[in-house]
């Protein structure tokens, strides 16, 4: 299945050229540079990919859910068919364990098949029909029907911390393709070989399904230039991004300054606060401490749902808890970070907090030497509520195996901390059922601050399912009304289109009277799968 790595961009069914700015993979665990060399896409190739995508949109956007489902399933099968070479390359380029890559491969293929099921069934288009009433007074009522339609070529930026599930064939790609949009990928410089293997699998799936040339392209870029030019291109109609706040804001600014502004669905920054209520910490101190340690250090803390803030009451029980967590963090050894840039940024952020007079640092290992080797140690910090509330920098994400304990002395301080939070992907509450009942005001605040509230669990580990929300108010995402995981993600890359007084024969199948797709539709305000009967005629 996997061909030899060629080092050039995939432009529809063709390849780029081996010239221009170079980049190559890097093994963060060993410091080894990985072949082959890759070449940044030229302006000509970026333009060619966009034009191919626009041309492909004409036919791909009209394909049936069954045809798109076959394509998505074929991609999943092709990725699985790569087998061990994909695991080996991804491990080399990320320093992640083979088991993690295998798990992420399974997640990637699962979400592709989940979107296949969604579009094959078809009800996701939210078909709405209000039949005509020519006898209505004082004015007759027109026949009005609407449904979601794809928006056009989508640019997808791969994430550094998920070389598969949030990358070339990840959730952004799966949801955009499922909605009926061609996709142009901006590969992440950290894992170019992994990107090429998966990109080849998608290209071969498109070929085997006889899809139009340009439904998929994969562009390499040594710096930010390729991605910025892609967002500026007038034929690109939306952007999917997972990465830093700085990167997301830069793309949002570019997209907003275009003659035709386009939406950027960016997942950016989140510290995922964990609130531990007194009776929970008294009853389950060891259990919660162990679970929190595992969540903070999972994947070297390089998860977007890493719990970077822990809020608990200042008392003897919380001091015991803090001591237990500190001991575990101290004894955890070192972790391999994804790339030198992330390692250095983590090192600097930890050093900045360590030298702050208002932050208490629990004992842990830390040095610049570790950062230079892409290694990091766990870090634990502690402040009181007043300090947290008066130092905005403590709200900032530290991307790595680190968390900040904030202790409060009253319910009023607890609620003030919650109100002080920025937007985040998740919030977690540990408490008894009685405590949850007693803290409905806390939950009401958190509903305005996050996309997912976890009870007696931990935020890392996002279930890929229909009901999941992986999004949140700014700056967790650029649009808190959206999700980047789960089937709800498809609505980012679709828009409602209304058809008024159209002949039945010229309507999309989803809106025809006879309902040939057999989907669920809202007809005159009632959900039904029945054919439309005009009771007003």
Protein backbone atom coordinates (compact mmCIF):
# COMPACT_ATOMS: atom_id res chain seq x y z
CA UNK A 1 0.00 0.00 0.00
CA UNK A 2 2.65 2.53 1.09
CA UNK A 3 4.85 3.79 -1.71
CA UNK A 4 8.37 5.10 -1.26
CA UNK A 5 8.49 8.61 0.11
CA UNK A 6 9.01 11.07 -2.72
CA UNK A 7 9.41 14.42 -0.95
CA UNK A 8 7.05 16.60 -3.00
CA UNK A 9 3.53 17.91 -2.61
CA UNK A 10 0.53 15.95 -3.86
CA UNK A 11 -1.45 18.18 -6.23
CA UNK A 12 -4.60 16.28 -7.08
CA UNK A 13 -3.43 13.22 -8.99
CA UNK A 14 0.03 14.64 -9.76
CA UNK A 15 3.14 15.50 -7.74
CA UNK A 16 4.96 18.76 -7.19
CA UNK A 17 8.55 19.44 -8.18
CA UNK A 18 11.73 18.80 -6.18
CA UNK A 19 12.89 22.38 -5.87
CA UNK A 20 12.36 25.30 -3.54
CA UNK A 21 12.74 25.64 0.23
CA UNK A 22 13.53 22.32 1.93
CA UNK A 23 12.37 20.63 5.12
CA UNK A 24 12.75 17.16 6.58
CA UNK A 25 11.52 15.03 9.43
CA UNK A 26 13.21 14.97 12.82
CA UNK A 27 13.22 12.30 15.52
CA UNK A 28 12.76 14.15 18.83
CA UNK A 29 13.72 11.06 20.84
CA UNK A 30 17.14 10.64 19.18
CA UNK A 31 17.87 13.99 17.51
CA UNK A 32 18.22 12.21 14.16
CA UNK A 33 17.22 13.97 10.95
CA UNK A 34 14.99 11.80 8.78
CA UNK A 35 15.02 11.46 5.01
CA UNK A 36 13.90 12.25 2.46
CA UNK A 37 14.02 15.99 1.92
CA UNK A 38 10.67 17.67 1.28
CA UNK A 39 10.10 20.76 -0.82
CA UNK A 40 7.78 23.67 -0.13
CA UNK A 41 4.97 24.13 -2.62
CA UNK A 42 5.56 27.04 -5.01
CA UNK A 43 3.00 29.78 -5.60
CA UNK A 44 2.24 28.10 -8.91
CA UNK A 45 1.47 24.77 -7.22
CA UNK A 46 -0.67 26.41 -4.53
CA UNK A 47 -2.69 28.12 -7.22
CA UNK A 48 -2.93 24.89 -9.22
CA UNK A 49 -4.21 22.96 -6.20
CA UNK A 50 -6.85 25.64 -5.52
CA UNK A 51 -8.02 25.70 -9.14
CA UNK A 52 -8.25 21.91 -9.25
CA UNK A 53 -10.25 21.95 -6.01
CA UNK A 54 -12.66 24.55 -7.36
CA UNK A 55 -13.17 22.50 -10.52
CA UNK A 56 -13.63 19.29 -8.51
CA UNK A 57 -16.24 21.03 -6.34
CA UNK A 58 -18.59 21.35 -9.30
CA UNK A 59 -19.14 17.59 -9.41
CA UNK A 60 -18.04 16.36 -5.98
CA UNK A 61 -20.49 18.68 -4.21
CA UNK A 62 -23.34 16.99 -6.11
CA UNK A 63 -22.33 13.42 -5.34
CA UNK A 64 -24.70 11.32 -3.30
CA UNK A 65 -24.14 10.38 0.30
CA UNK A 66 -23.63 6.79 -0.81
CA UNK A 67 -20.78 7.80 -3.14
CA UNK A 68 -19.10 9.96 -0.51
CA UNK A 69 -19.51 7.16 2.02
CA UNK A 70 -17.71 4.73 -0.28
CA UNK A 71 -14.85 7.23 -0.64
CA UNK A 72 -14.51 7.78 3.12
CA UNK A 73 -14.56 4.05 3.80
CA UNK A 74 -11.93 3.48 1.14
CA UNK A 75 -9.66 6.06 2.76
CA UNK A 76 -9.99 4.25 6.10
CA UNK A 77 -9.21 0.89 4.52
CA UNK A 78 -6.19 2.30 2.69
CA UNK A 79 -4.79 3.82 5.88
CA UNK A 80 -5.20 0.52 7.68
CA UNK A 81 -3.53 -1.15 4.71
CA UNK A 82 -0.30 0.82 5.22
CA UNK A 83 0.25 -1.11 8.42
CA UNK A 84 3.62 -1.16 10.16
CA UNK A 85 5.38 1.42 7.93
CA UNK A 86 2.91 4.06 9.13
CA UNK A 87 3.49 3.21 12.78
CA UNK A 88 7.28 3.21 12.34
CA UNK A 89 7.37 6.55 10.55
CA UNK A 90 4.96 8.29 12.93
CA UNK A 91 6.90 7.05 15.96
CA UNK A 92 10.14 8.32 14.42
CA UNK A 93 8.71 11.75 13.67
CA UNK A 94 6.91 12.35 16.98
CA UNK A 95 8.60 10.33 19.72
CA UNK A 96 5.18 8.92 20.60
CA UNK A 97 4.87 5.27 21.56
CA UNK A 98 3.79 2.68 18.95
CA UNK A 99 0.66 1.91 20.98
CA UNK A 100 -0.34 5.58 20.83
CA UNK A 101 0.07 5.64 17.03
CA UNK A 102 -1.91 2.41 16.66
CA UNK A 103 -4.68 3.83 18.84
CA UNK A 104 -4.71 7.06 16.87
CA UNK A 105 -4.88 5.14 13.60
CA UNK A 106 -7.95 3.35 14.90
CA UNK A 107 -9.54 6.63 15.95
CA UNK A 108 -8.82 8.21 12.56
CA UNK A 109 -10.39 5.33 10.66
CA UNK A 110 -13.33 5.19 13.05
CA UNK A 111 -14.22 8.83 12.48
CA UNK A 112 -13.93 8.40 8.70
CA UNK A 113 -16.42 5.53 8.86
CA UNK A 114 -18.66 7.45 11.26
CA UNK A 115 -18.94 10.29 8.74
CA UNK A 116 -19.55 7.71 6.01
CA UNK A 117 -22.54 6.41 7.98
CA UNK A 118 -23.77 9.95 8.54
CA UNK A 119 -23.82 10.95 4.89
CA UNK A 120 -25.13 7.58 3.72
CA UNK A 121 -28.15 7.96 6.00
CA UNK A 122 -28.52 11.57 4.89
CA UNK A 123 -30.62 13.30 7.54
CA UNK A 124 -27.69 15.51 8.56
CA UNK A 125 -28.70 18.02 5.84
CA UNK A 126 -31.55 19.23 8.10
CA UNK A 127 -34.11 19.28 5.29
CA UNK A 128 -36.97 21.68 6.07
CA UNK A 129 -40.12 21.97 4.00
CA UNK A 130 -42.97 24.44 4.32
CA UNK A 131 -45.52 23.63 1.64
CA UNK A 132 -47.37 26.30 -0.29
CA UNK A 133 -50.80 27.55 0.72
CA UNK A 134 -52.28 29.55 -2.17
CA UNK A 135 -55.45 30.19 -0.14
CA UNK A 136 -53.78 31.89 2.79
CA UNK A 137 -55.06 35.42 3.45
CA UNK A 138 -54.16 38.20 3.11
CA UNK A 139 -51.22 36.87 1.06
CA UNK A 140 -50.65 33.40 -0.35
CA UNK A 141 -47.86 31.33 1.20
CA UNK A 142 -45.00 30.24 -1.12
CA UNK A 143 -43.43 26.79 -1.12
CA UNK A 144 -40.17 27.13 0.84
CA UNK A 145 -37.58 24.35 1.29
CA UNK A 146 -34.04 24.40 2.65
CA UNK A 147 -31.10 22.12 3.42
CA UNK A 148 -27.38 22.27 4.10
CA UNK A 149 -25.05 22.37 1.10
CA UNK A 150 -21.22 22.31 0.94
CA UNK A 151 -19.36 25.62 0.82
CA UNK A 152 -16.34 25.01 -1.44
CA UNK A 153 -12.64 24.11 -1.15
CA UNK A 154 -11.45 23.85 2.46
CA UNK A 155 -7.88 24.41 3.67
CA UNK A 156 -6.90 22.14 6.55
CA UNK A 157 -3.86 22.72 8.77
CA UNK A 158 -2.38 19.61 10.38
CA UNK A 159 -1.74 19.59 14.14
CA UNK A 160 1.64 18.85 15.70
CA UNK A 161 0.33 16.69 18.56
CA UNK A 162 -1.92 14.34 16.56
CA UNK A 163 -0.04 13.09 13.47
CA UNK A 164 -3.13 11.17 12.33
CA UNK A 165 -6.40 12.08 14.07
CA UNK A 166 -5.98 15.86 13.62
CA UNK A 167 -3.87 15.78 10.50
CA UNK A 168 -4.07 14.72 6.86
CA UNK A 169 -7.06 12.37 7.25
CA UNK A 170 -8.25 13.73 10.58
CA UNK A 171 -11.55 15.15 11.70
CA UNK A 172 -11.35 18.37 9.70
CA UNK A 173 -10.65 16.47 6.49
CA UNK A 174 -13.27 13.81 7.17
CA UNK A 175 -16.00 16.34 7.96
CA UNK A 176 -15.15 18.60 5.01
CA UNK A 177 -15.12 15.69 2.55
CA UNK A 178 -18.34 14.30 4.04
CA UNK A 179 -20.08 17.64 3.52
CA UNK A 180 -19.05 17.59 -0.15
CA UNK A 181 -16.00 19.86 -0.18
CA UNK A 182 -12.58 19.24 -1.76
CA UNK A 183 -9.73 19.57 0.74
CA UNK A 184 -6.27 21.12 0.46
CA UNK A 185 -3.97 20.05 3.30
CA UNK A 186 -1.11 22.10 4.73
CA UNK A 187 1.13 19.34 6.13
CA UNK A 188 2.80 19.91 9.49
CA UNK A 189 6.56 20.23 9.27
CA UNK A 190 7.01 17.88 12.25
CA UNK A 191 5.75 14.78 10.47
CA UNK A 192 6.12 15.12 6.69
CA UNK A 193 6.67 11.42 6.08
CA UNK A 194 3.56 10.43 8.01
CA UNK A 195 1.63 13.04 6.05
CA UNK A 196 2.87 11.63 2.76
CA UNK A 197 1.90 8.05 3.60
CA UNK A 198 -1.63 9.10 4.57
CA UNK A 199 -1.91 11.57 1.69
CA UNK A 200 -1.00 8.83 -0.76
CA UNK A 201 -3.70 6.63 0.78
CA UNK A 202 -6.31 9.36 0.21
CA UNK A 203 -5.15 10.02 -3.35
CA UNK A 204 -5.37 6.30 -4.18
CA UNK A 205 -8.86 6.16 -2.63
CA UNK A 206 -9.96 9.08 -4.80
CA UNK A 207 -8.55 7.39 -7.89
CA UNK A 208 -10.23 4.07 -7.14
CA UNK A 209 -13.57 5.86 -6.66
CA UNK A 210 -13.11 7.79 -9.94
CA UNK A 211 -13.46 11.13 -8.18
CA UNK A 212 -12.58 14.38 -9.95
CA UNK A 213 -8.94 15.41 -9.99
CA UNK A 214 -8.33 17.93 -7.21
CA UNK A 215 -10.75 16.61 -4.60
CA UNK A 216 -7.64 16.23 -2.41
CA UNK A 217 -4.22 17.89 -2.36
CA UNK A 218 -1.35 17.89 0.17
CA UNK A 219 1.05 20.83 0.29
CA UNK A 220 4.37 21.04 2.13
CA UNK A 221 5.74 24.27 3.54
CA UNK A 222 9.02 24.92 5.36
CA UNK A 223 7.64 28.02 7.11
CA UNK A 224 4.36 29.88 7.41
CA UNK A 225 4.29 31.14 3.83
CA UNK A 226 2.48 28.24 2.16
CA UNK A 227 -0.30 28.20 4.75
CA UNK A 228 -0.78 31.95 4.65
CA UNK A 229 -0.99 31.98 0.86
CA UNK A 230 -3.49 29.15 0.98
CA UNK A 231 -5.76 31.10 3.33
CA UNK A 232 -5.46 34.18 1.12
CA UNK A 233 -6.34 32.29 -2.05
CA UNK A 234 -9.72 33.52 -3.36
CA UNK A 235 -10.91 30.00 -4.25
CA UNK A 236 -10.53 28.70 -0.67
CA UNK A 237 -13.82 29.09 1.21
CA UNK A 238 -13.03 27.94 4.78
CA UNK A 239 -10.15 26.92 7.04
CA UNK A 240 -9.76 24.20 9.67
CA UNK A 241 -6.88 24.70 12.12
CA UNK A 242 -5.60 23.06 15.30
CA UNK A 243 -2.62 24.70 16.96
CA UNK A 244 -1.42 27.65 19.00
CA UNK A 245 -3.38 30.78 19.83
CA UNK A 246 -0.82 32.89 17.98
CA UNK A 247 -1.13 30.75 14.84
CA UNK A 248 -4.91 30.68 14.94
CA UNK A 249 -5.20 34.43 15.44
CA UNK A 250 -2.81 35.06 12.55
CA UNK A 251 -4.92 32.93 10.20
CA UNK A 252 -8.13 34.58 11.42
CA UNK A 253 -6.69 37.99 10.66
CA UNK A 254 -5.62 36.93 7.16
CA UNK A 255 -9.03 35.40 6.45
CA UNK A 256 -10.88 38.46 7.73
CA UNK A 257 -8.78 40.87 5.66
CA UNK A 258 -9.52 39.17 2.33
CA UNK A 259 -11.80 40.94 -0.16
CA UNK A 260 -14.14 38.01 0.53
CA UNK A 261 -13.66 37.10 4.22
CA UNK A 262 -13.95 33.40 5.04
CA UNK A 263 -14.49 31.49 8.30
CA UNK A 264 -11.52 30.02 10.18
CA UNK A 265 -12.49 27.21 12.52
CA UNK A 266 -9.47 27.30 14.83
CA UNK A 267 -8.90 25.24 17.95
CA UNK A 268 -6.27 27.20 19.84
CA UNK A 269 -5.76 27.46 23.58
CA UNK A 270 -7.28 25.76 26.61
CA UNK A 271 -6.21 25.00 30.20
CA UNK A 272 -9.26 22.83 30.99
CA UNK A 273 -9.90 23.69 34.65
CA UNK A 274 -10.59 20.93 37.17
CA UNK A 275 -12.70 21.79 40.23
CA UNK A 276 -12.32 19.40 43.17
CA UNK A 277 -15.00 19.83 45.83
CA UNK A 278 -14.24 19.15 49.52
CA UNK A 279 -16.13 15.90 50.10
CA UNK A 280 -14.72 14.37 46.93
CA UNK A 281 -11.16 15.12 47.94
CA UNK A 282 -11.80 13.74 51.42
CA UNK A 283 -13.36 10.51 50.11
CA UNK A 284 -11.12 9.91 47.08
CA UNK A 285 -7.87 11.80 47.66
CA UNK A 286 -5.50 9.11 46.39
CA UNK A 287 -7.73 8.14 43.48
CA UNK A 288 -8.18 11.70 42.24
CA UNK A 289 -4.49 12.53 42.67
CA UNK A 290 -3.47 9.48 40.63
CA UNK A 291 -6.03 10.21 37.94
CA UNK A 292 -5.04 13.85 37.71
CA UNK A 293 -1.35 12.98 37.49
CA UNK A 294 -2.08 10.56 34.64
CA UNK A 295 -4.14 13.16 32.80
CA UNK A 296 -1.57 15.96 33.23
CA UNK A 297 1.34 13.84 32.02
CA UNK A 298 -0.47 11.82 29.35
CA UNK A 299 1.39 12.22 26.06
CA UNK A 300 3.88 14.50 27.85
CA UNK A 301 1.01 16.88 28.52
CA UNK A 302 0.72 17.65 24.82
CA UNK A 303 -3.04 17.28 24.57
CA UNK A 304 -5.45 20.13 23.91
CA UNK A 305 -7.50 18.81 26.85
CA UNK A 306 -4.57 18.69 29.28
CA UNK A 307 -5.80 19.85 32.74
CA UNK A 308 -3.62 22.92 33.31
CA UNK A 309 -5.58 24.36 36.25
CA UNK A 310 -6.85 22.66 39.42
CA UNK A 311 -9.14 24.53 41.84
CA UNK A 312 -9.64 23.26 45.38
CA UNK A 313 -10.41 24.54 48.87
CA UNK A 314 -7.54 25.57 51.14
CA UNK A 315 -7.64 23.06 54.01
CA UNK A 316 -5.75 20.11 55.44
CA UNK A 317 -7.24 17.65 52.94
CA UNK A 318 -6.13 19.76 49.97
CA UNK A 319 -2.63 20.04 51.43
CA UNK A 320 -2.44 16.25 51.61
CA UNK A 321 -3.68 16.07 48.04
CA UNK A 322 -1.13 18.61 46.83
CA UNK A 323 1.67 16.71 48.55
CA UNK A 324 0.64 13.41 46.95
CA UNK A 325 0.38 14.97 43.50
CA UNK A 326 3.72 16.73 43.97
CA UNK A 327 5.45 13.47 44.89
CA UNK A 328 4.10 11.76 41.79
CA UNK A 329 5.13 14.63 39.52
CA UNK A 330 8.62 14.69 41.05
CA UNK A 331 9.13 10.96 40.53
CA UNK A 332 7.78 10.82 36.97
CA UNK A 333 11.12 11.19 35.16
CA UNK A 334 11.34 12.95 31.82
CA UNK A 335 9.15 12.99 28.73
CA UNK A 336 9.95 13.35 25.03
CA UNK A 337 8.32 16.43 23.52
CA UNK A 338 7.06 16.49 19.93
CA UNK A 339 9.62 18.87 18.45
CA UNK A 340 12.29 21.38 19.48
CA UNK A 341 9.92 24.34 19.17
CA UNK A 342 7.38 22.89 21.60
CA UNK A 343 10.13 21.74 23.97
CA UNK A 344 11.72 25.19 24.07
CA UNK A 345 8.37 26.94 24.52
CA UNK A 346 7.52 24.66 27.45
CA UNK A 347 10.93 25.20 29.02
CA UNK A 348 10.57 28.96 28.82
CA UNK A 349 7.01 28.95 30.19
CA UNK A 350 8.02 26.78 33.16
CA UNK A 351 11.08 28.94 33.86
CA UNK A 352 8.91 32.06 33.74
CA UNK A 353 6.54 30.66 36.35
CA UNK A 354 9.39 29.39 38.51
CA UNK A 355 10.88 32.86 38.85
CA UNK A 356 7.55 34.52 39.69
CA UNK A 357 7.59 35.55 43.34
CA UNK A 358 3.85 34.94 43.67
CA UNK A 359 4.00 31.33 42.40
CA UNK A 360 4.97 28.47 44.69
CA UNK A 361 6.88 25.76 42.83
CA UNK A 362 6.70 22.17 44.00
CA UNK A 363 10.06 20.36 43.68
CA UNK A 364 10.74 18.97 40.22
CA UNK A 365 13.53 18.54 37.70
CA UNK A 366 14.02 21.19 35.08
CA UNK A 367 16.91 22.41 32.95
CA UNK A 368 17.72 23.99 29.62
CA UNK A 369 19.73 20.86 28.79
CA UNK A 370 16.54 18.81 28.89
CA UNK A 371 14.82 21.24 26.52
CA UNK A 372 17.69 21.08 24.04
CA UNK A 373 17.25 17.28 23.87
CA UNK A 374 13.45 17.62 23.40
CA UNK A 375 13.00 16.32 26.93
CA UNK A 376 10.83 17.79 29.67
CA UNK A 377 9.94 17.06 33.26
CA UNK A 378 6.61 17.47 34.99
CA UNK A 379 5.98 20.78 36.75
CA UNK A 380 3.52 21.67 39.50
CA UNK A 381 2.74 25.18 40.74
CA UNK A 382 0.49 26.65 43.44
CA UNK A 383 -1.12 30.05 44.05
CA UNK A 384 -4.00 31.28 46.15
CA UNK A 385 -7.23 32.57 44.65
CA UNK A 386 -6.40 36.26 45.13
CA UNK A 387 -3.12 35.86 43.29
CA UNK A 388 -4.73 33.96 40.44
CA UNK A 389 -7.43 36.59 40.05
CA UNK A 390 -4.94 39.46 39.89
CA UNK A 391 -2.38 37.96 37.48
CA UNK A 392 -3.89 37.36 34.01
CA UNK A 393 -0.77 35.48 32.84
CA UNK A 394 -1.79 32.56 35.07
CA UNK A 395 -4.71 31.96 32.68
CA UNK A 396 -2.27 31.22 29.86
CA UNK A 397 -1.70 27.70 28.56
CA UNK A 398 1.59 25.96 29.35
CA UNK A 399 1.71 23.25 26.68
CA UNK A 400 3.34 20.28 28.38
CA UNK A 401 3.22 18.12 31.54
CA UNK A 402 2.39 20.95 33.93
CA UNK A 403 -0.52 22.15 36.03
CA UNK A 404 -1.33 24.97 38.42
CA UNK A 405 -3.11 24.48 41.76
CA UNK A 406 -5.33 27.36 42.87
CA UNK A 407 -6.70 27.26 46.41
CA UNK A 408 -9.70 29.24 47.61
CA UNK A 409 -11.07 29.91 51.08
CA UNK A 410 -14.76 30.46 50.36
CA UNK A 411 -17.57 29.66 47.99
CA UNK A 412 -17.50 33.24 46.77
CA UNK A 413 -13.85 32.88 45.76
CA UNK A 414 -14.61 29.59 44.02
CA UNK A 415 -17.31 31.20 41.89
CA UNK A 416 -15.13 34.24 41.22
CA UNK A 417 -12.40 31.96 39.87
CA UNK A 418 -14.93 30.34 37.55
CA UNK A 419 -16.19 33.71 36.33
CA UNK A 420 -12.59 34.85 35.75
CA UNK A 421 -11.84 32.02 33.33
CA UNK A 422 -11.39 32.48 29.60
CA UNK A 423 -13.13 30.12 27.18
CA UNK A 424 -11.89 26.52 27.37
CA UNK A 425 -12.61 23.20 25.72
CA UNK A 426 -13.52 21.46 28.96
CA UNK A 427 -14.14 21.88 32.66
CA UNK A 428 -14.19 19.02 35.17
CA UNK A 429 -15.97 18.76 38.50
CA UNK A 430 -15.14 16.14 41.13
CA UNK A 431 -17.78 15.92 43.80
CA UNK A 432 -20.50 13.83 45.38
CA UNK A 433 -24.00 13.97 43.96
CA UNK A 434 -25.01 16.20 46.87
CA UNK A 435 -22.10 18.56 46.12
CA UNK A 436 -23.07 18.75 42.47
CA UNK A 437 -26.60 19.64 43.51
CA UNK A 438 -25.26 22.28 45.88
CA UNK A 439 -23.03 23.79 43.16
CA UNK A 440 -25.55 24.37 40.40
CA UNK A 441 -24.39 27.97 40.30
CA UNK A 442 -20.86 26.79 39.46
CA UNK A 443 -22.20 24.60 36.67
CA UNK A 444 -24.24 27.51 35.30
CA UNK A 445 -21.06 29.60 35.07
CA UNK A 446 -19.09 26.79 33.43
CA UNK A 447 -21.78 26.27 30.80
CA UNK A 448 -20.86 29.75 29.51
CA UNK A 449 -17.12 29.04 29.65
CA UNK A 450 -16.58 25.62 28.07
CA UNK A 451 -17.85 23.17 25.48
CA UNK A 452 -17.77 19.98 27.60
CA UNK A 453 -18.28 19.55 31.36
CA UNK A 454 -16.88 16.31 32.83
CA UNK A 455 -18.17 14.85 36.09
CA UNK A 456 -15.86 12.72 38.25
CA UNK A 457 -13.49 12.01 35.38
CA UNK A 458 -10.67 13.70 33.52
CA UNK A 459 -10.73 15.74 30.31
CA UNK A 460 -8.06 13.85 28.35
CA UNK A 461 -9.55 11.16 26.15
CA UNK A 462 -12.13 12.58 23.77
CA UNK A 463 -14.84 10.12 22.80
CA UNK A 464 -15.41 10.27 19.04
CA UNK A 465 -19.20 10.02 18.80
CA UNK A 466 -22.25 11.92 17.60
CA UNK A 467 -22.91 13.85 20.84
CA UNK A 468 -19.36 14.98 21.62
CA UNK A 469 -18.50 18.68 21.67
CA UNK A 470 -14.83 19.49 21.17
CA UNK A 471 -14.97 23.24 21.06
CA UNK A 472 -15.59 26.15 23.36
CA UNK A 473 -15.77 29.92 23.65
CA UNK A 474 -12.81 32.00 22.50
CA UNK A 475 -9.86 31.45 22.81
CA UNK A 476 -10.47 27.70 23.01
CA UNK A 477 -11.85 28.04 19.50
CA UNK A 478 -12.51 30.86 17.09
CA UNK A 479 -16.21 29.96 17.00
CA UNK A 480 -17.67 28.52 20.18
CA UNK A 481 -20.77 27.33 18.32
CA UNK A 482 -18.80 24.59 16.56
CA UNK A 483 -17.06 21.31 17.33
CA UNK A 484 -14.03 19.75 15.63
CA UNK A 485 -14.81 16.20 16.82
CA UNK A 486 -17.99 14.22 16.25
CA UNK A 487 -20.50 14.36 13.44
CA UNK A 488 -21.56 17.90 14.41
CA UNK A 489 -18.24 19.00 12.89
CA UNK A 490 -19.77 18.68 9.41
CA UNK A 491 -21.78 21.88 9.88
CA UNK A 492 -18.61 24.01 9.90
CA UNK A 493 -18.19 23.30 6.20
CA UNK A 494 -21.80 23.56 5.05
CA UNK A 495 -24.36 26.35 4.78
CA UNK A 496 -28.16 26.40 4.44
CA UNK A 497 -29.58 27.01 0.97
CA UNK A 498 -33.26 27.79 0.43
CA UNK A 499 -35.34 26.87 -2.68
CA UNK A 500 -38.58 28.78 -3.12
CA UNK A 501 -41.39 27.66 -5.45
CA UNK A 502 -39.11 25.22 -7.30
CA UNK A 503 -40.61 22.50 -9.50
CA UNK A 504 -40.45 19.20 -7.61
CA UNK A 505 -38.36 17.60 -10.38
CA UNK A 506 -35.63 20.24 -10.02
CA UNK A 507 -35.25 20.04 -6.26
CA UNK A 508 -32.42 18.07 -4.60
CA UNK A 509 -33.57 14.55 -3.75
CA UNK A 510 -33.55 15.46 -0.05
CA UNK A 511 -36.29 18.04 -0.65
CA UNK A 512 -38.50 16.27 -3.19
CA UNK A 513 -42.07 15.46 -2.23
CA UNK A 514 -41.58 11.70 -2.46
CA UNK A 515 -38.47 11.74 -0.20
CA UNK A 516 -36.43 9.26 -2.31
CA UNK A 517 -33.60 9.30 0.26
CA UNK A 518 -35.97 8.29 3.05
CA UNK A 519 -34.42 10.84 5.42
CA UNK A 520 -35.94 12.57 8.42
CA UNK A 521 -37.30 16.01 7.45
CA UNK A 522 -39.10 18.89 9.16
CA UNK A 523 -42.33 19.25 7.17
CA UNK A 524 -44.61 22.09 8.24
CA UNK A 525 -42.91 22.02 11.65
CA UNK A 526 -43.20 18.25 12.22
CA UNK A 527 -40.35 15.71 11.93
CA UNK A 528 -41.26 12.89 9.55
CA UNK A 529 -39.88 10.51 6.95
CA UNK A 530 -43.16 10.46 5.03
CA UNK A 531 -43.73 11.90 1.58
CA UNK A 532 -45.01 15.47 1.38
CA UNK A 533 -48.75 15.88 0.84
CA UNK A 534 -49.97 19.41 0.23
CA UNK A 535 -53.04 19.66 2.41
CA UNK A 536 -53.70 23.23 1.28
CA UNK A 537 -54.45 22.47 -2.37
